[in-house]
PDB file of N, CA and C in Angstrom:
ATOM      1  N   MET A   1       0.817  -1.193   0.000  1.00  0.00           N
ATOM      2  CA  MET A   1       0.000   0.000   0.000  1.00  0.00           C
ATOM      3  C   MET A   1       0.865   1.264   0.000  1.00  0.00           C
ATOM      4  N   ILE A   2       1.947   1.223   0.795  1.00  0.00           N
ATOM      5  CA  ILE A   2       2.846   2.373   0.841  1.00  0.00           C
ATOM      6  C   ILE A   2       3.496   2.579  -0.518  1.00  0.00           C
ATOM      7  N   PHE A   3       3.827   1.477  -1.194  1.00  0.00           N
ATOM      8  CA  PHE A   3       4.447   1.574  -2.510  1.00  0.00           C
ATOM      9  C   PHE A   3       3.530   2.315  -3.488  1.00  0.00           C
ATOM     10  N   ILE A   4       2.272   1.923  -3.539  1.00  0.00           N
ATOM     11  CA  ILE A   4       1.331   2.530  -4.477  1.00  0.00           C
ATOM     12  C   ILE A   4       1.107   4.004  -4.137  1.00  0.00           C
ATOM     13  N   LEU A   5       0.917   4.295  -2.857  1.00  0.00           N
ATOM     14  CA  LEU A   5       0.682   5.675  -2.435  1.00  0.00           C
ATOM     15  C   LEU A   5       1.884   6.561  -2.742  1.00  0.00           C
ATOM     16  N   SER A   6       3.079   6.107  -2.408  1.00  0.00           N
ATOM     17  CA  SER A   6       4.259   6.940  -2.660  1.00  0.00           C
ATOM     18  C   SER A   6       4.532   7.073  -4.152  1.00  0.00           C
ATOM     19  N   PHE A   7       4.238   6.047  -4.931  1.00  0.00           N
ATOM     20  CA  PHE A   7       4.417   6.148  -6.382  1.00  0.00           C
ATOM     21  C   PHE A   7       3.453   7.174  -6.974  1.00  0.00           C
ATOM     22  N   LEU A   8       2.197   7.167  -6.521  1.00  0.00           N
ATOM     23  CA  LEU A   8       1.223   8.154  -7.009  1.00  0.00           C
ATOM     24  C   LEU A   8       1.621   9.572  -6.612  1.00  0.00           C
ATOM     25  N   VAL A   9       2.096   9.747  -5.381  1.00  0.00           N
ATOM     26  CA  VAL A   9       2.553  11.069  -4.940  1.00  0.00           C
ATOM     27  C   VAL A   9       3.723  11.531  -5.796  1.00  0.00           C
ATOM     28  N   ALA A  10       4.649  10.628  -6.106  1.00  0.00           N
ATOM     29  CA  ALA A  10       5.792  10.983  -6.944  1.00  0.00           C
ATOM     30  C   ALA A  10       5.353  11.401  -8.343  1.00  0.00           C
ATOM     31  N   VAL A  11       4.396  10.704  -8.919  1.00  0.00           N
ATOM     32  CA  VAL A  11       3.918  11.052 -10.264  1.00  0.00           C
ATOM     33  C   VAL A  11       3.224  12.411 -10.259  1.00  0.00           C
ATOM     34  N   VAL A  12       2.348  12.642  -9.283  1.00  0.00           N
ATOM     35  CA  VAL A  12       1.642  13.931  -9.214  1.00  0.00           C
ATOM     36  C   VAL A  12       2.629  15.066  -8.975  1.00  0.00           C
ATOM     37  N   ALA A  13       3.573  14.877  -8.059  1.00  0.00           N
ATOM     38  CA  ALA A  13       4.562  15.925  -7.779  1.00  0.00           C
ATOM     39  C   ALA A  13       5.435  16.181  -9.004  1.00  0.00           C
ATOM     40  N   PHE A  14       5.772  15.144  -9.754  1.00  0.00           N
ATOM     41  CA  PHE A  14       6.571  15.345 -10.963  1.00  0.00           C
ATOM     42  C   PHE A  14       5.793  16.132 -12.020  1.00  0.00           C
ATOM     43  N   VAL A  15       4.518  15.841 -12.173  1.00  0.00           N
ATOM     44  CA  VAL A  15       3.697  16.575 -13.147  1.00  0.00           C
ATOM     45  C   VAL A  15       3.590  18.050 -12.743  1.00  0.00           C
ATOM     46  N   VAL A  16       3.365  18.307 -11.468  1.00  0.00           N
ATOM     47  CA  VAL A  16       3.286  19.700 -10.992  1.00  0.00           C
ATOM     48  C   VAL A  16       4.631  20.385 -11.175  1.00  0.00           C
ATOM     49  N   TRP A  17       5.712  19.698 -10.837  1.00  0.00           N
ATOM     50  CA  TRP A  17       7.048  20.262 -10.983  1.00  0.00           C
ATOM     51  C   TRP A  17       7.365  20.609 -12.432  1.00  0.00           C
ATOM     52  N   SER A  18       7.039  19.691 -13.355  1.00  0.00           N
ATOM     53  CA  SER A  18       7.346  19.956 -14.764  1.00  0.00           C
ATOM     54  C   SER A  18       6.478  21.078 -15.330  1.00  0.00           C
ATOM     55  N   SER A  19       5.219  21.196 -14.866  1.00  0.00           N
ATOM     56  CA  SER A  19       4.388  22.301 -15.349  1.00  0.00           C
ATOM     57  C   SER A  19       4.838  23.630 -14.751  1.00  0.00           C
ATOM     58  N   LEU A  20       5.344  23.618 -13.519  1.00  0.00           N
ATOM     59  CA  LEU A  20       5.858  24.851 -12.922  1.00  0.00           C
ATOM     60  C   LEU A  20       7.124  25.324 -13.619  1.00  0.00           C
ATOM     61  N   ARG A  21       7.944  24.382 -14.049  1.00  0.00           N
ATOM     62  CA  ARG A  21       9.190  24.776 -14.719  1.00  0.00           C
ATOM     63  C   ARG A  21       8.934  25.438 -16.057  1.00  0.00           C
ATOM     64  N   LYS A  22       7.829  25.086 -16.719  1.00  0.00           N
ATOM     65  CA  LYS A  22       7.520  25.638 -18.037  1.00  0.00           C
ATOM     66  C   LYS A  22       6.805  26.977 -17.953  1.00  0.00           C
ATOM     67  N   LYS A  23       6.213  27.276 -16.803  1.00  0.00           N
ATOM     68  CA  LYS A  23       5.404  28.491 -16.671  1.00  0.00           C
ATOM     69  C   LYS A  23       6.314  29.712 -16.503  1.00  0.00           C
ATOM     70  N   PRO A  24       6.195  30.706 -17.386  1.00  0.00           N
ATOM     71  CA  PRO A  24       7.039  31.896 -17.252  1.00  0.00           C
ATOM     72  C   PRO A  24       6.539  32.811 -16.119  1.00  0.00           C
ATOM     73  N   ILE A  25       7.476  33.563 -15.570  1.00  0.00           N
ATOM     74  CA  ILE A  25       7.132  34.541 -14.528  1.00  0.00           C
ATOM     75  C   ILE A  25       6.700  35.827 -15.225  1.00  0.00           C
ATOM     76  N   ARG A  26       5.535  36.334 -14.800  1.00  0.00           N
ATOM     77  CA  ARG A  26       5.046  37.586 -15.390  1.00  0.00           C
ATOM     78  C   ARG A  26       5.841  38.756 -14.832  1.00  0.00           C
ATOM     79  N   SER A  27       6.259  39.634 -15.704  1.00  0.00           N
ATOM     80  CA  SER A  27       7.010  40.803 -15.235  1.00  0.00           C
ATOM     81  C   SER A  27       6.032  41.879 -14.773  1.00  0.00           C
ATOM     82  N   THR A  28       6.400  42.541 -13.708  1.00  0.00           N
ATOM     83  CA  THR A  28       5.587  43.635 -13.180  1.00  0.00           C
ATOM     84  C   THR A  28       6.451  44.878 -13.107  1.00  0.00           C
ATOM     85  N   ALA A  29       5.812  46.008 -12.941  1.00  0.00           N
ATOM     86  CA  ALA A  29       6.539  47.274 -12.884  1.00  0.00           C
ATOM     87  C   ALA A  29       7.330  47.386 -11.584  1.00  0.00           C
ATOM     88  N   ASP A  30       6.790  46.839 -10.513  1.00  0.00           N
ATOM     89  CA  ASP A  30       7.447  46.944  -9.214  1.00  0.00           C
ATOM     90  C   ASP A  30       8.495  45.830  -9.077  1.00  0.00           C
ATOM     91  N   MET A  31       9.741  46.212  -8.805  1.00  0.00           N
ATOM     92  CA  MET A  31      10.827  45.249  -8.701  1.00  0.00           C
ATOM     93  C   MET A  31      10.661  44.337  -7.484  1.00  0.00           C
ATOM     94  N   HIS A  32      10.081  44.859  -6.409  1.00  0.00           N
ATOM     95  CA  HIS A  32       9.869  44.050  -5.206  1.00  0.00           C
ATOM     96  C   HIS A  32       8.889  42.916  -5.494  1.00  0.00           C
ATOM     97  N   ASP A  33       7.819  43.206  -6.227  1.00  0.00           N
ATOM     98  CA  ASP A  33       6.843  42.171  -6.583  1.00  0.00           C
ATOM     99  C   ASP A  33       7.473  41.093  -7.469  1.00  0.00           C
ATOM    100  N   LEU A  34       8.344  41.516  -8.378  1.00  0.00           N
ATOM    101  CA  LEU A  34       9.009  40.571  -9.262  1.00  0.00           C
ATOM    102  C   LEU A  34       9.926  39.630  -8.466  1.00  0.00           C
ATOM    103  N   GLU A  35      10.670  40.165  -7.527  1.00  0.00           N
ATOM    104  CA  GLU A  35      11.546  39.335  -6.689  1.00  0.00           C
ATOM    105  C   GLU A  35      10.735  38.388  -5.811  1.00  0.00           C
ATOM    106  N   LEU A  36       9.601  38.875  -5.306  1.00  0.00           N
ATOM    107  CA  LEU A  36       8.733  38.033  -4.492  1.00  0.00           C
ATOM    108  C   LEU A  36       8.162  36.888  -5.329  1.00  0.00           C
ATOM    109  N   GLN A  37       7.744  37.178  -6.547  1.00  0.00           N
ATOM    110  CA  GLN A  37       7.236  36.138  -7.442  1.00  0.00           C
ATOM    111  C   GLN A  37       8.316  35.100  -7.747  1.00  0.00           C
ATOM    112  N   ARG A  38       9.520  35.576  -8.014  1.00  0.00           N
ATOM    113  CA  ARG A  38      10.630  34.655  -8.310  1.00  0.00           C
ATOM    114  C   ARG A  38      10.945  33.772  -7.107  1.00  0.00           C
ATOM    115  N   SER A  39      10.916  34.341  -5.924  1.00  0.00           N
ATOM    116  CA  SER A  39      11.216  33.561  -4.731  1.00  0.00           C
ATOM    117  C   SER A  39      10.133  32.509  -4.467  1.00  0.00           C
ATOM    118  N   ILE A  40       8.874  32.872  -4.649  1.00  0.00           N
ATOM    119  CA  ILE A  40       7.780  31.914  -4.489  1.00  0.00           C
ATOM    120  C   ILE A  40       7.879  30.830  -5.551  1.00  0.00           C
ATOM    121  N   TYR A  41       8.197  31.220  -6.758  1.00  0.00           N
ATOM    122  CA  TYR A  41       8.334  30.272  -7.871  1.00  0.00           C
ATOM    123  C   TYR A  41       9.461  29.281  -7.592  1.00  0.00           C
ATOM    124  N   ARG A  42      10.626  29.762  -7.156  1.00  0.00           N
ATOM    125  CA  ARG A  42      11.755  28.874  -6.855  1.00  0.00           C
ATOM    126  C   ARG A  42      11.405  27.914  -5.730  1.00  0.00           C
ATOM    127  N   THR A  43      10.726  28.421  -4.706  1.00  0.00           N
ATOM    128  CA  THR A  43      10.328  27.571  -3.585  1.00  0.00           C
ATOM    129  C   THR A  43       9.361  26.487  -4.042  1.00  0.00           C
ATOM    130  N   ALA A  44       8.415  26.844  -4.893  1.00  0.00           N
ATOM    131  CA  ALA A  44       7.448  25.858  -5.392  1.00  0.00           C
ATOM    132  C   ALA A  44       8.138  24.799  -6.246  1.00  0.00           C
ATOM    133  N   VAL A  45       9.048  25.220  -7.105  1.00  0.00           N
ATOM    134  CA  VAL A  45       9.757  24.265  -7.967  1.00  0.00           C
ATOM    135  C   VAL A  45      10.625  23.336  -7.127  1.00  0.00           C
ATOM    136  N   LEU A  46      11.375  23.902  -6.179  1.00  0.00           N
ATOM    137  CA  LEU A  46      12.225  23.069  -5.326  1.00  0.00           C
ATOM    138  C   LEU A  46      11.396  22.154  -4.421  1.00  0.00           C
ATOM    139  N   GLY A  47      10.289  22.655  -3.908  1.00  0.00           N
ATOM    140  CA  GLY A  47       9.440  21.850  -3.028  1.00  0.00           C
ATOM    141  C   GLY A  47       8.811  20.678  -3.745  1.00  0.00           C
ATOM    142  N   THR A  48       8.258  20.910  -4.918  1.00  0.00           N
ATOM    143  CA  THR A  48       7.633  19.801  -5.642  1.00  0.00           C
ATOM    144  C   THR A  48       8.676  18.829  -6.177  1.00  0.00           C
ATOM    145  N   GLY A  49       9.827  19.341  -6.586  1.00  0.00           N
ATOM    146  CA  GLY A  49      10.905  18.447  -7.031  1.00  0.00           C
ATOM    147  C   GLY A  49      11.411  17.576  -5.895  1.00  0.00           C
ATOM    148  N   SER A  50      11.558  18.169  -4.711  1.00  0.00           N
ATOM    149  CA  SER A  50      11.995  17.405  -3.541  1.00  0.00           C
ATOM    150  C   SER A  50      10.950  16.370  -3.142  1.00  0.00           C
ATOM    151  N   LEU A  51       9.687  16.764  -3.162  1.00  0.00           N
ATOM    152  CA  LEU A  51       8.613  15.838  -2.826  1.00  0.00           C
ATOM    153  C   LEU A  51       8.589  14.652  -3.788  1.00  0.00           C
ATOM    154  N   ALA A  52       8.768  14.932  -5.072  1.00  0.00           N
ATOM    155  CA  ALA A  52       8.795  13.853  -6.064  1.00  0.00           C
ATOM    156  C   ALA A  52       9.967  12.918  -5.820  1.00  0.00           C
ATOM    157  N   GLY A  53      11.118  13.482  -5.517  1.00  0.00           N
ATOM    158  CA  GLY A  53      12.300  12.660  -5.264  1.00  0.00           C
ATOM    159  C   GLY A  53      12.161  11.792  -4.022  1.00  0.00           C
ATOM    160  N   ILE A  54      11.663  12.377  -2.940  1.00  0.00           N
ATOM    161  CA  ILE A  54      11.495  11.630  -1.695  1.00  0.00           C
ATOM    162  C   ILE A  54      10.454  10.533  -1.867  1.00  0.00           C
ATOM    163  N   ALA A  55       9.342  10.849  -2.513  1.00  0.00           N
ATOM    164  CA  ALA A  55       8.294   9.842  -2.727  1.00  0.00           C
ATOM    165  C   ALA A  55       8.802   8.710  -3.607  1.00  0.00           C
ATOM    166  N   LEU A  56       9.618   9.021  -4.599  1.00  0.00           N
ATOM    167  CA  LEU A  56      10.189   7.979  -5.451  1.00  0.00           C
ATOM    168  C   LEU A  56      11.156   7.095  -4.669  1.00  0.00           C
ATOM    169  N   LEU A  57      11.962   7.690  -3.793  1.00  0.00           N
ATOM    170  CA  LEU A  57      12.864   6.894  -2.956  1.00  0.00           C
ATOM    171  C   LEU A  57      12.092   5.972  -2.015  1.00  0.00           C
ATOM    172  N   VAL A  58      10.988   6.466  -1.457  1.00  0.00           N
ATOM    173  CA  VAL A  58      10.167   5.625  -0.586  1.00  0.00           C
ATOM    174  C   VAL A  58       9.568   4.465  -1.381  1.00  0.00           C
ATOM    175  N   ALA A  59       9.089   4.757  -2.585  1.00  0.00           N
ATOM    176  CA  ALA A  59       8.517   3.697  -3.424  1.00  0.00           C
ATOM    177  C   ALA A  59       9.573   2.646  -3.776  1.00  0.00           C
ATOM    178  N   LEU A  60      10.781   3.086  -4.110  1.00  0.00           N
ATOM    179  CA  LEU A  60      11.836   2.136  -4.452  1.00  0.00           C
ATOM    180  C   LEU A  60      12.290   1.335  -3.239  1.00  0.00           C
ATOM    181  N   SER A  61      12.290   1.967  -2.065  1.00  0.00           N
ATOM    182  CA  SER A  61      12.704   1.234  -0.864  1.00  0.00           C
ATOM    183  C   SER A  61      11.697   0.145  -0.495  1.00  0.00           C
ATOM    184  N   GLN A  62      10.456   0.289  -0.924  1.00  0.00           N
ATOM    185  CA  GLN A  62       9.452  -0.740  -0.664  1.00  0.00           C
ATOM    186  C   GLN A  62       9.650  -1.968  -1.549  1.00  0.00           C
ATOM    187  N   CYS A  63      10.505  -1.864  -2.553  1.00  0.00           N
ATOM    188  CA  CYS A  63      10.759  -2.986  -3.459  1.00  0.00           C
ATOM    189  C   CYS A  63      11.941  -3.833  -3.016  1.00  0.00           C
ATOM    190  N   ILE A  64      12.501  -3.527  -1.850  1.00  0.00           N
ATOM    191  CA  ILE A  64      13.641  -4.281  -1.337  1.00  0.00           C
ATOM    192  C   ILE A  64      13.191  -5.041  -0.103  1.00  0.00           C
ATOM    193  N   THR A  65      13.563  -6.305  -0.025  1.00  0.00           N
ATOM    194  CA  THR A  65      13.215  -7.132   1.129  1.00  0.00           C
ATOM    195  C   THR A  65      14.438  -7.919   1.566  1.00  0.00           C
ATOM    196  N   GLN A  66      14.459  -8.285   2.844  1.00  0.00           N
ATOM    197  CA  GLN A  66      15.564  -9.072   3.352  1.00  0.00           C
ATOM    198  C   GLN A  66      15.041 -10.419   3.828  1.00  0.00           C
ATOM    199  N   ILE A  67      15.701 -11.460   3.377  1.00  0.00           N
ATOM    200  CA  ILE A  67      15.384 -12.815   3.804  1.00  0.00           C
ATOM    201  C   ILE A  67      16.438 -13.213   4.841  1.00  0.00           C
ATOM    202  N   PRO A  68      16.029 -13.624   6.045  1.00  0.00           N
ATOM    203  CA  PRO A  68      17.013 -13.988   7.074  1.00  0.00           C
ATOM    204  C   PRO A  68      17.797 -15.252   6.700  1.00  0.00           C
ATOM    205  N   ALA A  69      18.929 -15.426   7.375  1.00  0.00           N
ATOM    206  CA  ALA A  69      19.748 -16.622   7.145  1.00  0.00           C
ATOM    207  C   ALA A  69      18.959 -17.866   7.541  1.00  0.00           C
ATOM    208  N   GLY A  70      19.086 -18.915   6.750  1.00  0.00           N
ATOM    209  CA  GLY A  70      18.373 -20.154   7.022  1.00  0.00           C
ATOM    210  C   GLY A  70      16.943 -20.151   6.525  1.00  0.00           C
ATOM    211  N   HIS A  71      16.566 -19.165   5.761  1.00  0.00           N
ATOM    212  CA  HIS A  71      15.217 -19.060   5.211  1.00  0.00           C
ATOM    213  C   HIS A  71      15.300 -18.890   3.694  1.00  0.00           C
ATOM    214  N   VAL A  72      14.214 -19.151   3.012  1.00  0.00           N
ATOM    215  CA  VAL A  72      14.064 -18.832   1.593  1.00  0.00           C
ATOM    216  C   VAL A  72      12.773 -18.057   1.430  1.00  0.00           C
ATOM    217  N   GLY A  73      12.702 -17.253   0.415  1.00  0.00           N
ATOM    218  CA  GLY A  73      11.491 -16.507   0.121  1.00  0.00           C
ATOM    219  C   GLY A  73      10.720 -17.185  -0.992  1.00  0.00           C
ATOM    220  N   VAL A  74       9.457 -17.454  -0.757  1.00  0.00           N
ATOM    221  CA  VAL A  74       8.592 -18.082  -1.754  1.00  0.00           C
ATOM    222  C   VAL A  74       7.621 -17.023  -2.259  1.00  0.00           C
ATOM    223  N   ILE A  75       7.587 -16.829  -3.566  1.00  0.00           N
ATOM    224  CA  ILE A  75       6.765 -15.791  -4.181  1.00  0.00           C
ATOM    225  C   ILE A  75       5.422 -16.379  -4.593  1.00  0.00           C
ATOM    226  N   ASP A  76       4.356 -15.719  -4.162  1.00  0.00           N
ATOM    227  CA  ASP A  76       2.990 -16.135  -4.479  1.00  0.00           C
ATOM    228  C   ASP A  76       2.327 -14.982  -5.227  1.00  0.00           C
ATOM    229  N   PHE A  77       1.877 -15.251  -6.446  1.00  0.00           N
ATOM    230  CA  PHE A  77       1.252 -14.219  -7.262  1.00  0.00           C
ATOM    231  C   PHE A  77      -0.153 -14.676  -7.622  1.00  0.00           C
ATOM    232  N   PHE A  78      -1.161 -14.136  -6.943  1.00  0.00           N
ATOM    233  CA  PHE A  78      -2.567 -14.478  -7.132  1.00  0.00           C
ATOM    234  C   PHE A  78      -2.810 -15.986  -7.050  1.00  0.00           C
ATOM    235  N   GLY A  79      -2.229 -16.626  -6.026  1.00  0.00           N
ATOM    236  CA  GLY A  79      -2.445 -18.049  -5.804  1.00  0.00           C
ATOM    237  C   GLY A  79      -1.508 -18.966  -6.562  1.00  0.00           C
ATOM    238  N   GLN A  80      -0.698 -18.438  -7.455  1.00  0.00           N
ATOM    239  CA  GLN A  80       0.249 -19.252  -8.208  1.00  0.00           C
ATOM    240  C   GLN A  80       1.631 -19.094  -7.585  1.00  0.00           C
ATOM    241  N   VAL A  81       2.171 -20.188  -7.075  1.00  0.00           N
ATOM    242  CA  VAL A  81       3.495 -20.160  -6.472  1.00  0.00           C
ATOM    243  C   VAL A  81       4.540 -20.206  -7.582  1.00  0.00           C
ATOM    244  N   SER A  82       5.491 -19.291  -7.507  1.00  0.00           N
ATOM    245  CA  SER A  82       6.530 -19.196  -8.525  1.00  0.00           C
ATOM    246  C   SER A  82       7.586 -20.274  -8.320  1.00  0.00           C
ATOM    247  N   ASP A  83       8.219 -20.704  -9.401  1.00  0.00           N
ATOM    248  CA  ASP A  83       9.325 -21.659  -9.314  1.00  0.00           C
ATOM    249  C   ASP A  83      10.574 -20.985  -8.744  1.00  0.00           C
ATOM    250  N   ARG A  84      10.631 -19.693  -8.882  1.00  0.00           N
ATOM    251  CA  ARG A  84      11.787 -18.923  -8.418  1.00  0.00           C
ATOM    252  C   ARG A  84      11.662 -18.660  -6.917  1.00  0.00           C
ATOM    253  N   THR A  85      12.724 -18.947  -6.179  1.00  0.00           N
ATOM    254  CA  THR A  85      12.756 -18.638  -4.749  1.00  0.00           C
ATOM    255  C   THR A  85      13.820 -17.579  -4.511  1.00  0.00           C
ATOM    256  N   LEU A  86      13.663 -16.846  -3.431  1.00  0.00           N
ATOM    257  CA  LEU A  86      14.635 -15.830  -3.068  1.00  0.00           C
ATOM    258  C   LEU A  86      15.557 -16.398  -2.000  1.00  0.00           C
ATOM    259  N   LYS A  87      16.848 -16.255  -2.206  1.00  0.00           N
ATOM    260  CA  LYS A  87      17.830 -16.757  -1.254  1.00  0.00           C
ATOM    261  C   LYS A  87      17.961 -15.775  -0.093  1.00  0.00           C
ATOM    262  N   SER A  88      18.610 -16.217   0.969  1.00  0.00           N
ATOM    263  CA  SER A  88      18.790 -15.342   2.124  1.00  0.00           C
ATOM    264  C   SER A  88      19.680 -14.160   1.740  1.00  0.00           C
ATOM    265  N   GLY A  89      19.372 -13.031   2.326  1.00  0.00           N
ATOM    266  CA  GLY A  89      20.076 -11.785   2.034  1.00  0.00           C
ATOM    267  C   GLY A  89      19.102 -10.742   1.524  1.00  0.00           C
ATOM    268  N   VAL A  90      19.640  -9.680   0.936  1.00  0.00           N
ATOM    269  CA  VAL A  90      18.824  -8.590   0.411  1.00  0.00           C
ATOM    270  C   VAL A  90      18.397  -8.935  -1.015  1.00  0.00           C
ATOM    271  N   ASN A  91      17.107  -8.835  -1.284  1.00  0.00           N
ATOM    272  CA  ASN A  91      16.548  -9.163  -2.594  1.00  0.00           C
ATOM    273  C   ASN A  91      15.589  -8.067  -3.028  1.00  0.00           C
ATOM    274  N   SER A  92      15.381  -7.978  -4.328  1.00  0.00           N
ATOM    275  CA  SER A  92      14.347  -7.075  -4.830  1.00  0.00           C
ATOM    276  C   SER A  92      13.085  -7.901  -5.059  1.00  0.00           C
ATOM    277  N   ALA A  93      11.971  -7.352  -4.636  1.00  0.00           N
ATOM    278  CA  ALA A  93      10.698  -8.054  -4.775  1.00  0.00           C
ATOM    279  C   ALA A  93       9.623  -7.057  -5.159  1.00  0.00           C
ATOM    280  N   ILE A  94       8.817  -7.402  -6.128  1.00  0.00           N
ATOM    281  CA  ILE A  94       7.724  -6.538  -6.551  1.00  0.00           C
ATOM    282  C   ILE A  94       6.632  -6.601  -5.495  1.00  0.00           C
ATOM    283  N   ARG A  95       6.115  -5.475  -5.086  1.00  0.00           N
ATOM    284  CA  ARG A  95       5.225  -5.379  -3.948  1.00  0.00           C
ATOM    285  C   ARG A  95       3.849  -5.979  -4.151  1.00  0.00           C
ATOM    286  N   TRP A  96       3.372  -6.143  -5.351  1.00  0.00           N
ATOM    287  CA  TRP A  96       2.024  -6.691  -5.509  1.00  0.00           C
ATOM    288  C   TRP A  96       2.046  -8.217  -5.491  1.00  0.00           C
ATOM    289  N   ARG A  97       3.205  -8.787  -5.312  1.00  0.00           N
ATOM    290  CA  ARG A  97       3.316 -10.229  -5.108  1.00  0.00           C
ATOM    291  C   ARG A  97       3.477 -10.487  -3.616  1.00  0.00           C
ATOM    292  N   GLU A  98       2.900 -11.572  -3.159  1.00  0.00           N
ATOM    293  CA  GLU A  98       3.021 -11.913  -1.748  1.00  0.00           C
ATOM    294  C   GLU A  98       4.285 -12.731  -1.545  1.00  0.00           C
ATOM    295  N   LEU A  99       5.027 -12.399  -0.515  1.00  0.00           N
ATOM    296  CA  LEU A  99       6.283 -13.078  -0.236  1.00  0.00           C
ATOM    297  C   LEU A  99       6.187 -13.771   1.114  1.00  0.00           C
ATOM    298  N   SER A 100       6.428 -15.087   1.125  1.00  0.00           N
ATOM    299  CA  SER A 100       6.434 -15.851   2.368  1.00  0.00           C
ATOM    300  C   SER A 100       7.864 -16.275   2.662  1.00  0.00           C
ATOM    301  N   LYS A 101       8.295 -16.051   3.901  1.00  0.00           N
ATOM    302  CA  LYS A 101       9.645 -16.453   4.309  1.00  0.00           C
ATOM    303  C   LYS A 101       9.533 -17.793   5.035  1.00  0.00           C
ATOM    304  N   CYS A 102      10.129 -18.826   4.444  1.00  0.00           N
ATOM    305  CA  CYS A 102      10.030 -20.177   4.975  1.00  0.00           C
ATOM    306  C   CYS A 102      11.384 -20.629   5.514  1.00  0.00           C
ATOM    307  N   ARG A 103      11.332 -21.272   6.655  1.00  0.00           N
ATOM    308  CA  ARG A 103      12.550 -21.797   7.283  1.00  0.00           C
ATOM    309  C   ARG A 103      12.984 -23.052   6.533  1.00  0.00           C
ATOM    310  N   CYS A 104      14.287 -23.158   6.218  1.00  0.00           N
ATOM    311  CA  CYS A 104      14.768 -24.326   5.485  1.00  0.00           C
ATOM    312  C   CYS A 104      15.920 -25.028   6.201  1.00  0.00           C
ATOM    313  N   ARG A 105      16.134 -24.702   7.468  1.00  0.00           N
ATOM    314  CA  ARG A 105      17.167 -25.379   8.258  1.00  0.00           C
ATOM    315  C   ARG A 105      16.610 -26.670   8.841  1.00  0.00           C
ATOM    316  N   PRO A 106      17.427 -27.696   8.881  1.00  0.00           N
ATOM    317  CA  PRO A 106      16.927 -28.931   9.518  1.00  0.00           C
ATOM    318  C   PRO A 106      16.855 -28.751  11.031  1.00  0.00           C
ATOM    319  N   LYS A 107      15.824 -29.306  11.626  1.00  0.00           N
ATOM    320  CA  LYS A 107      15.671 -29.232  13.079  1.00  0.00           C
ATOM    321  C   LYS A 107      16.498 -30.328  13.723  1.00  0.00           C
ATOM    322  N   LYS A 108      17.079 -29.999  14.866  1.00  0.00           N
ATOM    323  CA  LYS A 108      17.920 -30.985  15.567  1.00  0.00           C
ATOM    324  C   LYS A 108      17.130 -31.694  16.626  1.00  0.00           C
TER     325      LYS A 108
END
């Protein structure tokens, strides 16, 4: 759920950021108003760009999973178990697939 939400936030922030970058600043007769407009514009561009970047990093971090030592990861996609298993360590896993961590050490 976090992956989908952060990905959507990143897309919306990127669209706003790209439209803000294309929008020209209107010139006014008063120099103070022009500087104020430029400062607001820079803040908006930097804010939306930062938001897009942070949301994208959160979305990408949700695609990484760790399998503990002595376990394997079994991927389940809508009831179909994949032939591919994930070994112990850091792995990339797509979030809309269910991942089960199964113990594979023999019991003593």
